[in-house]
Amino acid sequence: MEDAQDDQEQQRGGGVEKEEEEEEEEEEAGALSPSFPMGRVKKILKLDREINKVTSEALLLVSLSAELFLASLSAGARHAVLQKKRRIIKLDHIRSAARAHRPTSAFLLDCLPKPPPPPKAVSPTLKARSADEKPLPPGARRIDDFFRKPSADTQ
């Protein structure tokens, strides 16, 4: 009778071990699931005219690589924010994180927008000017310039 109970306990224990192994396999498989939508990643990859087809393995690797890259870049930006004792990550922090990592700076710094020029010191005479004389943002024109007749010098 005791042998039968021992056999039942071993069978139950064996079943628990199998369930634990299956749960571990599911957890390992879950570790490789990307957080980016695979369809979106595939569309981005297909924007390159040289790429006709993308295998599911390549798609998975590109997606996971993008996640690792963004995690590394955001960790570097977080480090830059903490050094400057700020609470918000800005473009300057991302730029400094890219500069700190050589392989990233080789391509990413060219893609980031240029930093704005430092503000010039405002003299008291500039403050006294009217609204018409304020400097325009880059690429903007005054309406007077639009309606002004071309002078003989420009023709």
N, C-alpha and C. Protein backbone atom coordinates (compact mmCIF):
# COMPACT_ATOMS: atom_id res chain seq x y z
N MET A 1 0.83 -1.18 0.00
CA MET A 1 0.00 0.00 0.00
C MET A 1 0.88 1.24 0.00
N GLU A 2 1.94 1.19 0.80
CA GLU A 2 2.84 2.33 0.86
C GLU A 2 3.55 2.53 -0.47
N ASP A 3 3.87 1.44 -1.15
CA ASP A 3 4.51 1.54 -2.47
C ASP A 3 3.60 2.23 -3.46
N ALA A 4 2.33 1.98 -3.39
CA ALA A 4 1.37 2.61 -4.30
C ALA A 4 1.29 4.11 -4.02
N GLN A 5 1.32 4.49 -2.74
CA GLN A 5 1.27 5.91 -2.40
C GLN A 5 2.55 6.61 -2.86
N ASP A 6 3.70 5.94 -2.69
CA ASP A 6 4.97 6.52 -3.14
C ASP A 6 4.96 6.73 -4.66
N ASP A 7 4.42 5.73 -5.38
CA ASP A 7 4.33 5.85 -6.84
C ASP A 7 3.44 7.03 -7.24
N GLN A 8 2.34 7.22 -6.54
CA GLN A 8 1.41 8.32 -6.84
C GLN A 8 2.09 9.67 -6.56
N GLU A 9 2.84 9.74 -5.46
CA GLU A 9 3.53 10.98 -5.13
C GLU A 9 4.60 11.30 -6.17
N GLN A 10 5.30 10.28 -6.64
CA GLN A 10 6.32 10.50 -7.66
C GLN A 10 5.68 10.96 -8.97
N GLN A 11 4.53 10.39 -9.29
CA GLN A 11 3.83 10.79 -10.52
C GLN A 11 3.36 12.24 -10.39
N ARG A 12 2.84 12.60 -9.23
CA ARG A 12 2.39 13.97 -9.02
C ARG A 12 3.57 14.93 -9.08
N GLY A 13 4.67 14.55 -8.44
CA GLY A 13 5.87 15.39 -8.45
C GLY A 13 6.42 15.52 -9.86
N GLY A 14 6.40 14.44 -10.61
CA GLY A 14 6.87 14.47 -11.99
C GLY A 14 6.02 15.40 -12.83
N GLY A 15 4.71 15.39 -12.57
CA GLY A 15 3.82 16.28 -13.31
C GLY A 15 4.08 17.73 -12.98
N VAL A 16 4.42 18.01 -11.73
CA VAL A 16 4.71 19.38 -11.32
C VAL A 16 5.99 19.85 -11.99
N GLU A 17 6.99 18.94 -12.07
CA GLU A 17 8.24 19.31 -12.73
C GLU A 17 8.02 19.62 -14.21
N LYS A 18 7.17 18.84 -14.87
CA LYS A 18 6.89 19.09 -16.28
C LYS A 18 6.19 20.44 -16.45
N GLU A 19 5.27 20.75 -15.56
CA GLU A 19 4.57 22.03 -15.64
C GLU A 19 5.54 23.18 -15.42
N GLU A 20 6.48 23.01 -14.49
CA GLU A 20 7.47 24.05 -14.23
C GLU A 20 8.37 24.25 -15.45
N GLU A 21 8.76 23.15 -16.10
CA GLU A 21 9.58 23.24 -17.29
C GLU A 21 8.84 23.96 -18.41
N GLU A 22 7.56 23.66 -18.57
CA GLU A 22 6.76 24.31 -19.61
C GLU A 22 6.62 25.80 -19.32
N GLU A 23 6.44 26.17 -18.06
CA GLU A 23 6.33 27.58 -17.69
C GLU A 23 7.65 28.31 -17.97
N GLU A 24 8.77 27.64 -17.68
CA GLU A 24 10.07 28.25 -17.94
C GLU A 24 10.27 28.47 -19.44
N GLU A 25 9.86 27.49 -20.25
CA GLU A 25 9.98 27.63 -21.70
C GLU A 25 9.12 28.79 -22.20
N GLU A 26 7.92 28.93 -21.65
CA GLU A 26 7.04 30.03 -22.05
C GLU A 26 7.66 31.37 -21.66
N GLU A 27 8.29 31.43 -20.48
CA GLU A 27 8.92 32.67 -20.04
C GLU A 27 10.09 33.02 -20.94
N GLU A 28 10.88 32.00 -21.35
CA GLU A 28 12.00 32.23 -22.25
C GLU A 28 11.51 32.71 -23.60
N ALA A 29 10.44 32.12 -24.09
CA ALA A 29 9.88 32.54 -25.37
C ALA A 29 9.32 33.95 -25.26
N GLY A 30 8.77 34.30 -24.12
CA GLY A 30 8.23 35.64 -23.92
C GLY A 30 9.33 36.68 -23.87
N ALA A 31 10.53 36.29 -23.49
CA ALA A 31 11.64 37.23 -23.42
C ALA A 31 12.06 37.68 -24.81
N LEU A 32 11.78 36.90 -25.83
CA LEU A 32 12.15 37.25 -27.19
C LEU A 32 11.03 37.92 -27.96
N SER A 33 9.93 38.18 -27.33
CA SER A 33 8.84 38.83 -28.06
C SER A 33 9.09 40.34 -28.09
N PRO A 34 9.13 40.92 -29.28
CA PRO A 34 9.42 42.34 -29.40
C PRO A 34 8.24 43.19 -28.97
N SER A 35 8.53 44.40 -28.54
CA SER A 35 7.45 45.27 -28.12
C SER A 35 6.98 46.17 -29.26
N PHE A 36 7.73 46.25 -30.35
CA PHE A 36 7.27 47.01 -31.51
C PHE A 36 6.36 46.14 -32.36
N PRO A 37 5.35 46.74 -32.99
CA PRO A 37 4.48 45.95 -33.87
C PRO A 37 5.27 45.46 -35.09
N MET A 38 5.21 44.18 -35.34
CA MET A 38 6.00 43.58 -36.42
C MET A 38 5.59 44.12 -37.78
N GLY A 39 4.31 44.37 -37.97
CA GLY A 39 3.85 44.91 -39.25
C GLY A 39 4.43 46.28 -39.53
N ARG A 40 4.51 47.10 -38.50
CA ARG A 40 5.07 48.45 -38.67
C ARG A 40 6.55 48.38 -38.98
N VAL A 41 7.27 47.48 -38.29
CA VAL A 41 8.70 47.32 -38.55
C VAL A 41 8.93 46.84 -39.98
N LYS A 42 8.09 45.94 -40.43
CA LYS A 42 8.21 45.43 -41.79
C LYS A 42 7.97 46.54 -42.81
N LYS A 43 6.98 47.39 -42.56
CA LYS A 43 6.72 48.51 -43.48
C LYS A 43 7.90 49.46 -43.52
N ILE A 44 8.51 49.71 -42.37
CA ILE A 44 9.67 50.60 -42.32
C ILE A 44 10.84 49.99 -43.09
N LEU A 45 11.04 48.69 -42.93
CA LEU A 45 12.12 48.03 -43.66
C LEU A 45 11.88 48.06 -45.16
N LYS A 46 10.64 47.92 -45.57
CA LYS A 46 10.33 47.89 -46.99
C LYS A 46 10.38 49.27 -47.64
N LEU A 47 10.57 50.33 -46.83
CA LEU A 47 10.76 51.66 -47.41
C LEU A 47 12.05 51.72 -48.21
N ASP A 48 13.01 50.87 -47.84
CA ASP A 48 14.24 50.77 -48.60
C ASP A 48 13.96 50.02 -49.88
N ARG A 49 14.27 50.62 -51.02
CA ARG A 49 13.93 50.01 -52.31
C ARG A 49 14.76 48.75 -52.60
N GLU A 50 15.89 48.61 -51.93
CA GLU A 50 16.72 47.43 -52.15
C GLU A 50 16.18 46.19 -51.46
N ILE A 51 15.27 46.37 -50.52
CA ILE A 51 14.71 45.24 -49.77
C ILE A 51 13.38 44.85 -50.39
N ASN A 52 13.30 43.62 -50.90
CA ASN A 52 12.06 43.13 -51.49
C ASN A 52 11.26 42.29 -50.52
N LYS A 53 11.93 41.36 -49.86
CA LYS A 53 11.27 40.47 -48.92
C LYS A 53 12.04 40.46 -47.60
N VAL A 54 11.30 40.25 -46.51
CA VAL A 54 11.91 40.19 -45.19
C VAL A 54 11.42 38.91 -44.51
N THR A 55 12.36 38.08 -44.07
CA THR A 55 11.96 36.86 -43.37
C THR A 55 11.54 37.20 -41.95
N SER A 56 10.79 36.31 -41.36
CA SER A 56 10.31 36.55 -40.00
C SER A 56 11.46 36.60 -38.99
N GLU A 57 12.51 35.79 -39.25
CA GLU A 57 13.66 35.80 -38.34
C GLU A 57 14.38 37.14 -38.41
N ALA A 58 14.57 37.65 -39.63
CA ALA A 58 15.23 38.95 -39.79
C ALA A 58 14.39 40.06 -39.18
N LEU A 59 13.10 39.96 -39.36
CA LEU A 59 12.19 40.96 -38.80
C LEU A 59 12.27 40.97 -37.28
N LEU A 60 12.32 39.78 -36.68
CA LEU A 60 12.45 39.67 -35.23
C LEU A 60 13.77 40.26 -34.75
N LEU A 61 14.86 39.95 -35.45
CA LEU A 61 16.17 40.46 -35.05
C LEU A 61 16.25 41.98 -35.19
N VAL A 62 15.69 42.52 -36.26
CA VAL A 62 15.71 43.98 -36.44
C VAL A 62 14.89 44.65 -35.35
N SER A 63 13.74 44.08 -35.03
CA SER A 63 12.89 44.66 -34.00
C SER A 63 13.56 44.62 -32.63
N LEU A 64 14.16 43.49 -32.30
CA LEU A 64 14.85 43.38 -31.01
C LEU A 64 16.08 44.28 -30.96
N SER A 65 16.77 44.41 -32.09
CA SER A 65 17.94 45.30 -32.14
C SER A 65 17.52 46.76 -31.94
N ALA A 66 16.40 47.14 -32.54
CA ALA A 66 15.91 48.50 -32.37
C ALA A 66 15.55 48.76 -30.91
N GLU A 67 14.96 47.77 -30.26
CA GLU A 67 14.63 47.91 -28.84
C GLU A 67 15.89 48.10 -28.00
N LEU A 68 16.91 47.29 -28.27
CA LEU A 68 18.17 47.41 -27.52
C LEU A 68 18.83 48.77 -27.77
N PHE A 69 18.79 49.22 -29.03
CA PHE A 69 19.37 50.52 -29.35
C PHE A 69 18.65 51.65 -28.61
N LEU A 70 17.32 51.62 -28.64
CA LEU A 70 16.57 52.67 -27.96
C LEU A 70 16.75 52.61 -26.44
N ALA A 71 16.87 51.40 -25.90
CA ALA A 71 17.11 51.27 -24.46
C ALA A 71 18.48 51.87 -24.10
N SER A 72 19.48 51.60 -24.92
CA SER A 72 20.81 52.14 -24.68
C SER A 72 20.81 53.66 -24.81
N LEU A 73 20.16 54.18 -25.84
CA LEU A 73 20.11 55.63 -26.05
C LEU A 73 19.34 56.32 -24.94
N SER A 74 18.24 55.74 -24.52
CA SER A 74 17.46 56.37 -23.44
C SER A 74 18.21 56.29 -22.10
N ALA A 75 18.96 55.22 -21.88
CA ALA A 75 19.75 55.14 -20.65
C ALA A 75 20.85 56.20 -20.65
N GLY A 76 21.47 56.41 -21.81
CA GLY A 76 22.48 57.46 -21.91
C GLY A 76 21.88 58.84 -21.72
N ALA A 77 20.69 59.06 -22.28
CA ALA A 77 20.01 60.35 -22.11
C ALA A 77 19.61 60.54 -20.65
N ARG A 78 19.18 59.48 -20.01
CA ARG A 78 18.82 59.56 -18.59
C ARG A 78 20.04 59.93 -17.75
N HIS A 79 21.17 59.34 -18.10
CA HIS A 79 22.41 59.64 -17.38
C HIS A 79 22.77 61.12 -17.56
N ALA A 80 22.60 61.65 -18.78
CA ALA A 80 22.90 63.06 -19.04
C ALA A 80 21.95 63.97 -18.26
N VAL A 81 20.70 63.57 -18.15
CA VAL A 81 19.71 64.36 -17.40
C VAL A 81 20.09 64.39 -15.92
N LEU A 82 20.46 63.24 -15.39
CA LEU A 82 20.83 63.17 -13.97
C LEU A 82 22.09 63.98 -13.67
N GLN A 83 23.03 64.00 -14.62
CA GLN A 83 24.24 64.79 -14.41
C GLN A 83 23.93 66.28 -14.36
N LYS A 84 22.99 66.71 -15.20
CA LYS A 84 22.64 68.13 -15.23
C LYS A 84 21.56 68.49 -14.22
N LYS A 85 21.12 67.50 -13.46
CA LYS A 85 20.11 67.70 -12.42
C LYS A 85 18.81 68.28 -12.99
N ARG A 86 18.35 67.66 -14.06
CA ARG A 86 17.09 68.04 -14.69
C ARG A 86 16.10 66.90 -14.54
N ARG A 87 14.85 67.17 -14.89
CA ARG A 87 13.82 66.14 -14.76
C ARG A 87 13.23 65.74 -16.10
N ILE A 88 13.48 66.52 -17.15
CA ILE A 88 12.90 66.26 -18.46
C ILE A 88 14.02 65.99 -19.46
N ILE A 89 13.85 64.93 -20.25
CA ILE A 89 14.84 64.61 -21.28
C ILE A 89 14.54 65.49 -22.49
N LYS A 90 15.56 66.21 -22.95
CA LYS A 90 15.43 67.07 -24.11
C LYS A 90 16.39 66.60 -25.20
N LEU A 91 16.29 67.26 -26.34
CA LEU A 91 17.12 66.88 -27.48
C LEU A 91 18.61 66.99 -27.16
N ASP A 92 18.99 67.96 -26.38
CA ASP A 92 20.40 68.11 -26.00
C ASP A 92 20.90 66.90 -25.22
N HIS A 93 20.05 66.33 -24.39
CA HIS A 93 20.45 65.15 -23.62
C HIS A 93 20.64 63.94 -24.53
N ILE A 94 19.76 63.80 -25.51
CA ILE A 94 19.89 62.70 -26.47
C ILE A 94 21.16 62.89 -27.30
N ARG A 95 21.42 64.14 -27.68
CA ARG A 95 22.63 64.45 -28.44
C ARG A 95 23.89 64.11 -27.63
N SER A 96 23.89 64.43 -26.35
CA SER A 96 25.07 64.11 -25.53
C SER A 96 25.20 62.59 -25.33
N ALA A 97 24.09 61.88 -25.24
CA ALA A 97 24.15 60.42 -25.12
C ALA A 97 24.69 59.81 -26.41
N ALA A 98 24.31 60.36 -27.56
CA ALA A 98 24.82 59.85 -28.83
C ALA A 98 26.31 60.15 -28.97
N ARG A 99 26.73 61.33 -28.52
CA ARG A 99 28.16 61.68 -28.58
C ARG A 99 29.00 60.77 -27.70
N ALA A 100 28.45 60.34 -26.59
CA ALA A 100 29.20 59.50 -25.64
C ALA A 100 29.45 58.10 -26.20
N HIS A 101 28.62 57.63 -27.11
CA HIS A 101 28.76 56.28 -27.68
C HIS A 101 29.22 56.42 -29.12
N ARG A 102 30.48 56.07 -29.40
CA ARG A 102 31.09 56.30 -30.72
C ARG A 102 30.30 55.72 -31.89
N PRO A 103 29.92 54.44 -31.87
CA PRO A 103 29.20 53.92 -33.03
C PRO A 103 27.87 54.65 -33.29
N THR A 104 27.23 55.08 -32.23
CA THR A 104 25.96 55.80 -32.40
C THR A 104 26.21 57.18 -32.97
N SER A 105 27.25 57.84 -32.50
CA SER A 105 27.50 59.20 -32.96
C SER A 105 27.87 59.23 -34.44
N ALA A 106 28.38 58.13 -34.98
CA ALA A 106 28.78 58.10 -36.37
C ALA A 106 27.60 58.34 -37.31
N PHE A 107 26.41 57.90 -36.97
CA PHE A 107 25.28 58.10 -37.86
C PHE A 107 24.17 58.95 -37.26
N LEU A 108 24.02 58.94 -35.97
CA LEU A 108 22.85 59.59 -35.37
C LEU A 108 23.00 61.10 -35.28
N LEU A 109 24.18 61.60 -35.04
CA LEU A 109 24.36 63.04 -34.89
C LEU A 109 24.04 63.77 -36.19
N ASP A 110 24.25 63.12 -37.33
CA ASP A 110 23.89 63.73 -38.61
C ASP A 110 22.39 63.81 -38.80
N CYS A 111 21.64 62.90 -38.19
CA CYS A 111 20.19 62.84 -38.35
C CYS A 111 19.46 63.78 -37.40
N LEU A 112 20.06 64.10 -36.28
CA LEU A 112 19.39 64.95 -35.30
C LEU A 112 19.36 66.39 -35.80
N PRO A 113 18.31 67.14 -35.47
CA PRO A 113 18.27 68.55 -35.89
C PRO A 113 19.40 69.34 -35.24
N LYS A 114 19.84 70.35 -35.96
CA LYS A 114 20.92 71.19 -35.45
C LYS A 114 20.46 71.94 -34.21
N PRO A 115 21.36 72.13 -33.24
CA PRO A 115 20.96 72.89 -32.05
C PRO A 115 20.73 74.35 -32.42
N PRO A 116 19.77 75.00 -31.78
CA PRO A 116 19.52 76.41 -32.09
C PRO A 116 20.72 77.25 -31.65
N PRO A 117 20.97 78.35 -32.36
CA PRO A 117 22.10 79.19 -31.95
C PRO A 117 21.82 79.80 -30.58
N PRO A 118 22.86 80.06 -29.81
CA PRO A 118 22.64 80.62 -28.48
C PRO A 118 22.00 82.01 -28.60
N PRO A 119 21.11 82.36 -27.68
CA PRO A 119 20.45 83.66 -27.76
C PRO A 119 21.47 84.78 -27.56
N LYS A 120 21.29 85.83 -28.34
CA LYS A 120 22.18 86.98 -28.24
C LYS A 120 21.74 87.85 -27.07
N ALA A 121 22.68 88.57 -26.53
CA ALA A 121 22.37 89.49 -25.43
C ALA A 121 21.51 90.63 -25.97
N VAL A 122 20.44 90.93 -25.29
CA VAL A 122 19.51 91.96 -25.73
C VAL A 122 19.90 93.27 -25.07
N SER A 123 20.14 94.26 -25.91
CA SER A 123 20.50 95.58 -25.37
C SER A 123 19.23 96.35 -25.02
N PRO A 124 19.32 97.34 -24.16
CA PRO A 124 18.13 98.11 -23.77
C PRO A 124 17.48 98.85 -24.93
N THR A 125 18.25 99.20 -25.96
CA THR A 125 17.65 99.90 -27.10
C THR A 125 16.76 98.97 -27.91
N LEU A 126 17.12 97.69 -27.99
CA LEU A 126 16.28 96.74 -28.72
C LEU A 126 14.95 96.52 -28.02
N LYS A 127 14.94 96.58 -26.71
CA LYS A 127 13.69 96.38 -25.97
C LYS A 127 12.71 97.52 -26.23
N ALA A 128 13.22 98.72 -26.52
CA ALA A 128 12.37 99.89 -26.71
C ALA A 128 11.74 99.91 -28.10
N ARG A 129 12.20 99.11 -29.03
CA ARG A 129 11.65 99.11 -30.38
C ARG A 129 10.20 98.64 -30.39
N SER A 130 9.50 99.00 -31.42
CA SER A 130 8.09 98.60 -31.54
C SER A 130 8.00 97.17 -32.06
N ALA A 131 6.79 96.66 -32.16
CA ALA A 131 6.56 95.29 -32.59
C ALA A 131 6.96 95.09 -34.05
N ASP A 132 6.88 96.15 -34.87
CA ASP A 132 7.24 96.03 -36.28
C ASP A 132 8.74 95.81 -36.47
N GLU A 133 9.54 96.23 -35.55
CA GLU A 133 10.97 96.15 -35.70
C GLU A 133 11.58 94.93 -35.02
N LYS A 134 10.76 94.09 -34.44
CA LYS A 134 11.29 92.89 -33.79
C LYS A 134 11.86 91.95 -34.85
N PRO A 135 12.91 91.24 -34.53
CA PRO A 135 13.48 90.31 -35.52
C PRO A 135 12.50 89.18 -35.82
N LEU A 136 12.51 88.78 -37.08
CA LEU A 136 11.62 87.72 -37.52
C LEU A 136 12.25 86.36 -37.29
N PRO A 137 11.41 85.34 -37.15
CA PRO A 137 11.98 83.98 -37.08
C PRO A 137 12.60 83.63 -38.42
N PRO A 138 13.52 82.68 -38.44
CA PRO A 138 14.19 82.31 -39.69
C PRO A 138 13.19 81.84 -40.74
N GLY A 139 13.34 82.33 -41.96
CA GLY A 139 12.48 81.92 -43.06
C GLY A 139 11.21 82.73 -43.20
N ALA A 140 10.96 83.69 -42.32
CA ALA A 140 9.74 84.50 -42.38
C ALA A 140 10.05 85.85 -43.03
N ARG A 141 9.01 86.44 -43.65
CA ARG A 141 9.16 87.77 -44.25
C ARG A 141 8.06 88.67 -43.73
N ARG A 142 8.32 89.93 -43.78
CA ARG A 142 7.29 90.90 -43.40
C ARG A 142 6.33 91.09 -44.57
N ILE A 143 5.10 91.44 -44.27
CA ILE A 143 4.09 91.62 -45.31
C ILE A 143 4.45 92.81 -46.20
N ASP A 144 5.13 93.81 -45.65
CA ASP A 144 5.54 94.97 -46.45
C ASP A 144 6.49 94.55 -47.57
N ASP A 145 7.36 93.60 -47.31
CA ASP A 145 8.29 93.13 -48.33
C ASP A 145 7.55 92.46 -49.48
N PHE A 146 6.43 91.85 -49.20
CA PHE A 146 5.66 91.17 -50.23
C PHE A 146 5.04 92.18 -51.20
N PHE A 147 4.53 93.28 -50.68
CA PHE A 147 3.84 94.25 -51.51
C PHE A 147 4.77 95.32 -52.09
N ARG A 148 5.99 95.35 -51.68
CA ARG A 148 6.92 96.35 -52.18
C ARG A 148 7.24 96.07 -53.64
N LYS A 149 7.26 97.13 -54.46
CA LYS A 149 7.58 96.99 -55.88
C LYS A 149 9.08 96.72 -56.00
N PRO A 150 9.45 95.89 -56.95
CA PRO A 150 10.89 95.66 -57.13
C PRO A 150 11.58 96.93 -57.57
N SER A 151 12.74 97.16 -57.03
CA SER A 151 13.49 98.36 -57.39
C SER A 151 14.26 98.12 -58.67
N ALA A 152 14.76 99.16 -59.25
CA ALA A 152 15.51 99.07 -60.49
C ALA A 152 16.83 98.34 -60.28
N ASP A 153 17.32 98.35 -59.04
CA ASP A 153 18.60 97.70 -58.76
C ASP A 153 18.51 96.18 -58.89
N THR A 154 17.37 95.61 -58.54
CA THR A 154 17.24 94.15 -58.57
C THR A 154 16.95 93.62 -59.96
N GLN A 155 16.51 94.50 -60.91
CA GLN A 155 16.20 94.02 -62.26
C GLN A 155 17.36 94.02 -63.13
